[in-house]
Amino acid sequence: MRKMRMFAPLAVILLLAACGGGGKYGEVKEALNDQMDVMESFIAAANKPDNASGIIAAMEKMEAVGSAGQEKMAAMAAKYPELADQANPPEELKAEMERMEKMVPEFMGAMMKVMREYGENAEVQAAMQKMQKSGGGK
């Protein structure tokens, strides 16, 4: 459960980013889609049986995207303060917001499944810790 709480900030960051989009918010939309793409890869890997190596690869990808994206997300939040109003996102990102809303519960379920099925796997644990330190799992 403790590890589950560590991933909740990822959802907040992504939902915050989801409030921008399209033309004016093109960079926000791109960063958000990059994050959601790696989340989808992780969900798919978690749903394959006997797939520790796939899960580790998906976590490594999330780590890379998370590391690269932390400063970028902070800069975008400063550049677009209106993104903080999650109740009224710009029209340009309605589709991304809907995609994210559907994906977050799936991602959290996949994390729970990985912890349940691979919680004792040292390689999966190491990948998870590395991902969390980078910001990829926050």
Protein backbone atom coordinates (compact mmCIF):
# COMPACT_ATOMS: atom_id res chain seq x y z
CA MET A 1 0.00 0.00 0.00
CA ARG A 2 2.91 2.33 0.81
CA LYS A 3 4.25 1.92 -2.73
CA MET A 4 0.79 2.57 -4.15
CA ARG A 5 0.81 6.01 -2.51
CA MET A 6 4.15 6.76 -4.14
CA PHE A 7 2.49 6.53 -7.56
CA ALA A 8 -0.43 8.81 -6.75
CA PRO A 9 1.63 11.97 -7.46
CA LEU A 10 2.14 10.73 -11.03
CA ALA A 11 -1.58 10.92 -11.58
CA VAL A 12 -1.69 14.45 -10.17
CA ILE A 13 1.20 15.60 -12.35
CA LEU A 14 -0.32 14.06 -15.44
CA LEU A 15 -3.76 15.43 -14.70
CA LEU A 16 -2.24 18.87 -14.19
CA ALA A 17 -0.44 18.57 -17.50
CA ALA A 18 -3.61 17.34 -19.15
CA CYS A 19 -5.22 20.69 -18.62
CA GLY A 20 -3.19 22.22 -21.46
CA GLY A 21 -3.08 21.14 -25.10
CA GLY A 22 -3.23 21.56 -28.88
CA GLY A 23 -1.93 24.77 -30.47
CA LYS A 24 -1.17 27.06 -27.59
CA TYR A 25 -0.48 24.08 -25.34
CA GLY A 26 1.24 21.88 -27.91
CA GLU A 27 4.27 21.19 -25.72
CA VAL A 28 2.02 20.22 -22.82
CA LYS A 29 0.00 17.91 -25.05
CA GLU A 30 3.17 16.25 -26.35
CA ALA A 31 4.57 15.71 -22.85
CA LEU A 32 1.27 14.35 -21.63
CA ASN A 33 0.95 11.94 -24.54
CA ASP A 34 4.53 10.74 -23.97
CA GLN A 35 3.67 10.00 -20.33
CA MET A 36 0.44 8.23 -21.23
CA ASP A 37 2.15 6.16 -23.91
CA VAL A 38 4.66 4.76 -21.41
CA MET A 39 1.87 4.19 -18.92
CA GLU A 40 0.01 2.16 -21.55
CA SER A 41 3.17 0.13 -22.20
CA PHE A 42 3.46 -0.57 -18.49
CA ILE A 43 -0.20 -1.59 -18.23
CA ALA A 44 0.20 -3.96 -21.19
CA ALA A 45 3.36 -5.49 -19.70
CA ALA A 46 1.68 -5.96 -16.31
CA ASN A 47 -1.21 -7.80 -17.93
CA LYS A 48 0.98 -10.40 -19.64
CA PRO A 49 1.58 -13.58 -17.65
CA ASP A 50 5.13 -14.40 -16.53
CA ASN A 51 6.48 -11.11 -17.85
CA ALA A 52 9.02 -9.82 -15.33
CA SER A 53 11.44 -8.79 -18.09
CA GLY A 54 8.69 -6.85 -19.89
CA ILE A 55 7.69 -5.13 -16.68
CA ILE A 56 11.29 -4.17 -15.96
CA ALA A 57 11.66 -2.78 -19.50
CA ALA A 58 8.43 -0.78 -19.10
CA MET A 59 9.65 0.60 -15.75
CA GLU A 60 12.97 1.58 -17.31
CA LYS A 61 11.10 3.43 -20.05
CA MET A 62 8.96 5.20 -17.43
CA GLU A 63 12.14 6.13 -15.58
CA ALA A 64 13.66 7.66 -18.70
CA VAL A 65 10.53 9.63 -19.56
CA GLY A 66 10.07 10.66 -15.90
CA SER A 67 13.65 11.87 -15.57
CA ALA A 68 13.47 13.89 -18.76
CA GLY A 69 10.01 15.22 -18.01
CA GLN A 70 10.30 16.48 -14.43
CA GLU A 71 11.92 19.83 -15.24
CA LYS A 72 9.84 20.19 -18.38
CA MET A 73 6.59 19.68 -16.46
CA ALA A 74 7.63 22.20 -13.81
CA ALA A 75 8.50 24.75 -16.49
CA MET A 76 5.17 24.22 -18.24
CA ALA A 77 3.25 24.60 -14.97
CA ALA A 78 5.01 27.94 -14.45
CA LYS A 79 4.47 29.01 -18.06
CA TYR A 80 0.78 28.07 -18.04
CA PRO A 81 -0.57 28.79 -14.55
CA GLU A 82 -4.11 28.28 -15.85
CA LEU A 83 -3.34 24.55 -16.00
CA ALA A 84 -3.82 24.39 -12.24
CA ASP A 85 -7.59 24.79 -12.74
CA GLN A 86 -8.30 21.11 -13.32
CA ALA A 87 -12.05 21.63 -13.19
CA ASN A 88 -11.95 23.81 -16.33
CA PRO A 89 -9.27 22.55 -18.71
CA PRO A 90 -8.74 24.31 -22.03
CA GLU A 91 -10.87 22.86 -24.81
CA GLU A 92 -7.74 21.84 -26.70
CA LEU A 93 -7.04 18.95 -24.35
CA LYS A 94 -10.45 17.52 -23.63
CA ALA A 95 -9.53 14.27 -25.41
CA GLU A 96 -6.28 13.90 -23.45
CA MET A 97 -8.08 14.61 -20.20
CA GLU A 98 -10.61 11.87 -20.96
CA ARG A 99 -7.83 9.45 -21.91
CA MET A 100 -5.99 10.21 -18.68
CA GLU A 101 -9.09 9.81 -16.54
CA LYS A 102 -9.59 6.34 -17.97
CA MET A 103 -5.94 5.39 -17.75
CA VAL A 104 -5.07 6.34 -14.17
CA PRO A 105 -7.21 3.61 -12.55
CA GLU A 106 -5.83 1.07 -15.03
CA PHE A 107 -2.28 2.15 -14.21
CA MET A 108 -2.89 1.93 -10.48
CA GLY A 109 -4.42 -1.54 -10.94
CA ALA A 110 -1.38 -2.62 -12.97
CA MET A 111 0.94 -1.36 -10.21
CA MET A 112 -1.00 -3.34 -7.63
CA LYS A 113 -0.80 -6.45 -9.81
CA VAL A 114 2.94 -6.05 -10.26
CA MET A 115 3.46 -5.60 -6.53
CA ARG A 116 1.32 -8.64 -5.81
CA GLU A 117 2.86 -10.92 -8.44
CA TYR A 118 6.45 -9.66 -8.51
CA GLY A 119 6.88 -8.11 -5.08
CA GLU A 120 9.57 -10.64 -4.19
CA ASN A 121 11.44 -10.33 -7.49
CA ALA A 122 14.67 -8.44 -6.75
CA GLU A 123 15.06 -7.17 -10.32
CA VAL A 124 11.52 -5.81 -10.43
CA GLN A 125 12.00 -4.19 -7.01
CA ALA A 126 15.26 -2.56 -8.16
CA ALA A 127 13.62 -1.26 -11.35
CA MET A 128 10.69 0.11 -9.33
CA GLN A 129 13.00 1.92 -6.90
CA LYS A 130 15.04 3.40 -9.73
CA MET A 131 11.85 4.51 -11.50
CA GLN A 132 10.52 6.14 -8.33
CA LYS A 133 13.77 8.02 -7.69
CA SER A 134 13.73 9.42 -11.22
CA GLY A 135 10.17 10.68 -10.99
CA GLY A 136 8.91 8.19 -13.57
CA GLY A 137 6.61 6.56 -11.05
CA LYS A 138 5.49 9.67 -9.24
